[in-house]
Amino acid sequence: MAAGAARRAGRILGLVAAAALALTVVLLSPFALEEFSDSKGVDWNRLSQVGAAYGFTSAIVSALALAGVAVSLGVQNRQARADQVQGIRSYYLELVRLELDDMALYQPVWGDTDFVDPHERKRHVYADLMMNYAWMGFEIGTIRESLLRDMLAGMFTGEAGRRYWIRAHTSWIAGSSGSRTGRRFLAIVGEEHARAAASGPPTRSPIPSRPPAVPVVRASPAWRASAGALAGLGAGLALGSLLRSRR
């Protein structure tokens, strides 16, 4: 990030230097004409008429150079703003990861909620991550409107997605309605949510339960003692029979 800022600053300084050089050449051109001419008595009136002939062109060149500097400064300002926003969003994602690791510990920091089921809390946080992903992609242009609508249609088919937007749309309006792109994003989300609600009740996806663990039968100490006694008794009987047969 620092290297990119250095390169942008270098380009802007280069444009400023080029504009200053062009202006210097324009200002020193009459003296250059006098130096290259063999005669010392230069007709300045005639020279001024010659200078006036290309003065309009030099003014255009200077104006273009200044416009280039202004555009570069604007681009740099937008890039710096984008870098700041990206840094804030990356920090937000790290906070969400911490919350997902231990919902019971970290979620009370945001205040009391109406979530009763712990799985519902996790689905809400995951839906928030998906919505932020859609917003960032739409903002920078990697997610077009058609793709955004397709994503939202799938999200609002289920009960979790609809409940998320009902809970979170107020905060989204407060945080994203300050720009034209943000207002368009909110309008698309609102349209898709209304379309999904009008299509019928949401689908519910039950969480599959884990198969019960198979208990491992372990021999008790009493059983092992009984088996050892029976084995010893059998060995003793076999040995006694062998000894009697040899007598």
Protein backbone atom coordinates (compact mmCIF):
# COMPACT_ATOMS: atom_id res chain seq x y z
CA MET A 1 0.00 0.00 0.00
CA ALA A 2 2.83 2.37 0.83
CA ALA A 3 4.60 1.48 -2.41
CA GLY A 4 1.47 2.29 -4.42
CA ALA A 5 1.14 5.66 -2.71
CA ALA A 6 4.79 6.41 -3.48
CA ARG A 7 4.28 5.58 -7.14
CA ARG A 8 1.20 7.80 -7.34
CA ALA A 9 3.08 10.65 -5.69
CA GLY A 10 5.93 10.17 -8.16
CA ARG A 11 3.55 10.40 -11.12
CA ILE A 12 1.98 13.57 -9.77
CA LEU A 13 5.37 15.18 -9.19
CA GLY A 14 6.34 14.22 -12.74
CA LEU A 15 3.25 15.93 -14.14
CA VAL A 16 3.92 19.05 -12.08
CA ALA A 17 7.53 19.12 -13.28
CA ALA A 18 6.41 18.73 -16.91
CA ALA A 19 3.93 21.58 -16.56
CA ALA A 20 6.58 23.81 -14.94
CA LEU A 21 9.05 22.98 -17.72
CA ALA A 22 6.52 23.83 -20.43
CA LEU A 23 5.72 27.14 -18.77
CA THR A 24 9.43 27.96 -18.44
CA VAL A 25 10.01 27.24 -22.11
CA VAL A 26 7.14 29.53 -23.06
CA LEU A 27 8.45 32.37 -20.90
CA LEU A 28 12.06 32.07 -22.11
CA SER A 29 11.25 31.58 -25.78
CA PRO A 30 11.71 35.30 -26.74
CA PHE A 31 15.21 35.33 -25.23
CA ALA A 32 16.01 32.08 -27.00
CA LEU A 33 14.98 33.63 -30.29
CA GLU A 34 17.23 36.59 -29.64
CA GLU A 35 20.15 34.32 -28.74
CA PHE A 36 19.82 32.26 -31.88
CA SER A 37 19.47 35.29 -34.13
CA ASP A 38 22.73 36.77 -35.50
CA SER A 39 21.63 40.36 -35.09
CA LYS A 40 21.66 42.18 -31.78
CA GLY A 41 19.07 44.75 -32.69
CA VAL A 42 15.92 42.69 -32.44
CA ASP A 43 12.59 44.22 -33.33
CA TRP A 44 10.62 43.46 -30.18
CA ASN A 45 7.36 44.59 -31.76
CA ARG A 46 7.76 42.04 -34.51
CA LEU A 47 8.91 39.47 -31.97
CA SER A 48 5.83 40.12 -29.84
CA GLN A 49 3.63 39.57 -32.88
CA VAL A 50 5.35 36.26 -33.53
CA GLY A 51 4.94 35.32 -29.87
CA ALA A 52 1.27 36.20 -29.98
CA ALA A 53 0.88 33.76 -32.86
CA TYR A 54 1.72 30.77 -30.68
CA GLY A 55 0.68 32.26 -27.31
CA PHE A 56 -2.79 30.73 -27.62
CA THR A 57 -1.27 27.29 -28.20
CA SER A 58 0.99 27.60 -25.17
CA ALA A 59 -1.99 28.62 -23.03
CA ILE A 60 -3.86 25.49 -24.13
CA VAL A 61 -0.86 23.32 -23.30
CA SER A 62 -0.56 24.88 -19.85
CA ALA A 63 -4.26 24.46 -19.21
CA LEU A 64 -4.10 20.79 -20.21
CA ALA A 65 -1.14 20.24 -17.92
CA LEU A 66 -2.95 21.82 -14.97
CA ALA A 67 -6.06 19.78 -15.75
CA GLY A 68 -3.92 16.63 -15.74
CA VAL A 69 -2.56 17.54 -12.32
CA ALA A 70 -6.08 18.15 -11.01
CA VAL A 71 -7.30 14.81 -12.34
CA SER A 72 -4.33 13.01 -10.81
CA LEU A 73 -5.00 14.60 -7.44
CA GLY A 74 -8.63 13.56 -7.65
CA VAL A 75 -7.71 9.97 -8.51
CA GLN A 76 -5.20 9.89 -5.65
CA ASN A 77 -7.82 11.18 -3.23
CA ARG A 78 -10.32 8.51 -4.32
CA GLN A 79 -7.70 5.77 -4.05
CA ALA A 80 -6.70 6.91 -0.57
CA ARG A 81 -10.37 6.89 0.44
CA ALA A 82 -10.81 3.38 -0.98
CA ASP A 83 -7.75 2.16 0.93
CA GLN A 84 -9.16 3.56 4.17
CA VAL A 85 -12.53 1.92 3.60
CA GLN A 86 -10.87 -1.39 2.77
CA GLY A 87 -8.82 -1.22 5.97
CA ILE A 88 -11.92 -0.58 8.08
CA ARG A 89 -13.78 -3.45 6.45
CA SER A 90 -10.85 -5.83 6.98
CA TYR A 91 -10.83 -4.91 10.67
CA TYR A 92 -14.57 -5.51 10.82
CA LEU A 93 -14.13 -8.98 9.34
CA GLU A 94 -11.56 -9.82 12.00
CA LEU A 95 -14.03 -8.78 14.71
CA VAL A 96 -16.72 -10.96 13.16
CA ARG A 97 -14.36 -13.95 13.09
CA LEU A 98 -13.72 -13.50 16.79
CA GLU A 99 -17.46 -13.37 17.43
CA LEU A 100 -18.09 -16.55 15.43
CA ASP A 101 -15.42 -18.41 17.39
CA ASP A 102 -17.26 -17.80 20.67
CA MET A 103 -20.75 -16.34 20.20
CA ALA A 104 -21.78 -16.72 23.82
CA LEU A 105 -18.79 -14.69 25.00
CA TYR A 106 -18.65 -11.84 22.47
CA GLN A 107 -22.19 -11.20 21.26
CA PRO A 108 -23.46 -9.65 24.54
CA VAL A 109 -21.08 -6.76 23.81
CA TRP A 110 -23.59 -5.59 21.15
CA GLY A 111 -26.43 -5.57 23.67
CA ASP A 112 -29.41 -7.81 24.29
CA THR A 113 -30.84 -9.57 21.25
CA ASP A 114 -33.91 -11.67 20.56
CA PHE A 115 -31.84 -14.63 19.42
CA VAL A 116 -32.69 -17.72 21.41
CA ASP A 117 -31.24 -20.45 19.24
CA PRO A 118 -27.39 -20.27 19.03
CA HIS A 119 -27.58 -21.55 15.45
CA GLU A 120 -29.83 -18.62 14.57
CA ARG A 121 -27.23 -16.21 15.93
CA LYS A 122 -24.54 -17.74 13.74
CA ARG A 123 -26.79 -17.64 10.67
CA HIS A 124 -27.43 -13.94 11.29
CA VAL A 125 -23.71 -13.16 11.48
CA TYR A 126 -23.02 -15.22 8.36
CA ALA A 127 -25.81 -13.43 6.48
CA ASP A 128 -24.26 -10.12 7.51
CA LEU A 129 -20.92 -11.23 6.07
CA MET A 130 -22.58 -12.25 2.80
CA MET A 131 -24.41 -8.93 2.55
CA ASN A 132 -21.18 -7.01 3.16
CA TYR A 133 -19.46 -9.09 0.47
CA ALA A 134 -22.26 -8.25 -1.98
CA TRP A 135 -22.06 -4.55 -1.08
CA MET A 136 -18.27 -4.35 -1.54
CA GLY A 137 -18.43 -6.16 -4.87
CA PHE A 138 -21.25 -3.95 -6.12
CA GLU A 139 -19.45 -0.81 -4.95
CA ILE A 140 -16.22 -1.53 -6.83
CA GLY A 141 -17.97 -3.02 -9.86
CA THR A 142 -16.98 -6.70 -9.65
CA ILE A 143 -20.59 -7.71 -8.90
CA ARG A 144 -22.99 -6.42 -11.53
CA GLU A 145 -26.62 -5.71 -10.85
CA SER A 146 -27.80 -8.94 -12.51
CA LEU A 147 -25.47 -11.05 -10.36
CA LEU A 148 -26.44 -9.10 -7.24
CA ARG A 149 -30.12 -9.74 -7.87
CA ASP A 150 -29.44 -13.44 -8.41
CA MET A 151 -27.52 -13.65 -5.13
CA LEU A 152 -30.25 -11.83 -3.21
CA ALA A 153 -33.01 -13.95 -4.75
CA GLY A 154 -31.32 -17.08 -3.43
CA MET A 155 -30.61 -15.50 -0.04
CA PHE A 156 -34.19 -14.30 0.49
CA THR A 157 -35.68 -17.64 -0.49
CA GLY A 158 -34.81 -18.95 2.95
CA GLU A 159 -36.14 -17.89 6.32
CA ALA A 160 -32.73 -16.89 7.69
CA GLY A 161 -32.05 -14.38 4.89
CA ARG A 162 -35.43 -12.70 5.24
CA ARG A 163 -35.12 -12.43 8.99
CA TYR A 164 -31.66 -10.94 8.64
CA TRP A 165 -32.85 -8.12 6.38
CA ILE A 166 -35.84 -7.37 8.61
CA ARG A 167 -33.47 -6.95 11.57
CA ALA A 168 -30.61 -5.19 9.79
CA HIS A 169 -32.16 -2.97 7.10
CA THR A 170 -32.36 0.06 9.40
CA SER A 171 -28.63 0.02 10.11
CA TRP A 172 -27.87 -0.56 6.42
CA ILE A 173 -29.94 2.48 5.45
CA ALA A 174 -28.13 4.60 8.03
CA GLY A 175 -24.68 3.45 6.88
CA SER A 176 -24.97 3.17 3.10
CA SER A 177 -27.46 5.77 1.92
CA GLY A 178 -24.91 8.58 1.75
CA SER A 179 -23.78 7.83 -1.81
CA ARG A 180 -25.55 7.24 -5.10
CA THR A 181 -24.11 3.72 -5.33
CA GLY A 182 -25.23 2.97 -1.78
CA ARG A 183 -28.76 4.14 -2.46
CA ARG A 184 -28.93 2.01 -5.59
CA PHE A 185 -27.69 -1.01 -3.64
CA LEU A 186 -30.31 -0.51 -0.95
CA ALA A 187 -33.02 -0.12 -3.58
CA ILE A 188 -32.02 -3.42 -5.23
CA VAL A 189 -31.96 -5.26 -1.90
CA GLY A 190 -35.35 -3.85 -0.95
CA GLU A 191 -36.86 -4.84 -4.30
CA GLU A 192 -35.56 -8.40 -4.09
CA HIS A 193 -36.72 -8.79 -0.49
CA ALA A 194 -40.20 -7.54 -1.40
CA ARG A 195 -40.32 -9.85 -4.43
CA ALA A 196 -39.33 -12.85 -2.30
CA ALA A 197 -41.90 -12.00 0.37
CA ALA A 198 -44.62 -11.69 -2.27
CA SER A 199 -43.73 -15.08 -3.75
CA GLY A 200 -44.79 -16.97 -0.63
CA PRO A 201 -43.49 -18.21 2.70
CA PRO A 202 -39.77 -18.89 3.03
CA THR A 203 -38.24 -22.31 2.95
CA ARG A 204 -36.86 -23.71 6.16
CA SER A 205 -33.68 -25.73 6.20
CA PRO A 206 -33.45 -27.78 9.37
CA ILE A 207 -30.00 -28.32 10.76
CA PRO A 208 -29.06 -31.99 10.42
CA SER A 209 -28.44 -33.59 13.76
CA ARG A 210 -25.22 -35.40 14.39
CA PRO A 211 -25.46 -39.19 14.52
CA PRO A 212 -25.31 -40.51 18.06
CA ALA A 213 -21.98 -41.85 19.13
CA VAL A 214 -21.75 -45.63 19.31
CA PRO A 215 -20.89 -46.60 22.88
CA VAL A 216 -17.75 -48.63 23.25
CA VAL A 217 -18.27 -51.70 25.40
CA ARG A 218 -15.42 -52.06 27.78
CA ALA A 219 -14.82 -55.07 29.97
CA SER A 220 -15.40 -54.41 33.63
CA PRO A 221 -12.80 -55.45 36.21
CA ALA A 222 -15.20 -58.05 37.66
CA TRP A 223 -15.72 -59.61 34.22
CA ARG A 224 -11.98 -59.77 33.62
CA ALA A 225 -11.45 -61.43 37.02
CA SER A 226 -14.12 -64.05 36.29
CA ALA A 227 -12.64 -64.81 32.87
CA GLY A 228 -9.18 -65.21 34.42
CA ALA A 229 -10.51 -67.61 37.07
CA LEU A 230 -12.27 -69.75 34.46
CA ALA A 231 -9.12 -69.85 32.30
CA GLY A 232 -7.03 -70.90 35.32
CA LEU A 233 -9.53 -73.59 36.26
CA GLY A 234 -9.54 -75.01 32.74
CA ALA A 235 -5.74 -75.07 32.61
CA GLY A 236 -5.62 -76.84 35.99
CA LEU A 237 -8.06 -79.54 34.91
CA ALA A 238 -6.13 -80.14 31.70
CA LEU A 239 -2.83 -80.48 33.58
CA GLY A 240 -4.31 -82.89 36.12
CA SER A 241 -5.73 -85.11 33.40
CA LEU A 242 -2.32 -85.22 31.68
CA LEU A 243 -0.55 -86.27 34.87
CA ARG A 244 -3.06 -89.04 35.61
CA SER A 245 -2.67 -90.45 32.12
CA ARG A 246 1.11 -90.87 32.63
CA ARG A 247 0.83 -92.85 35.87
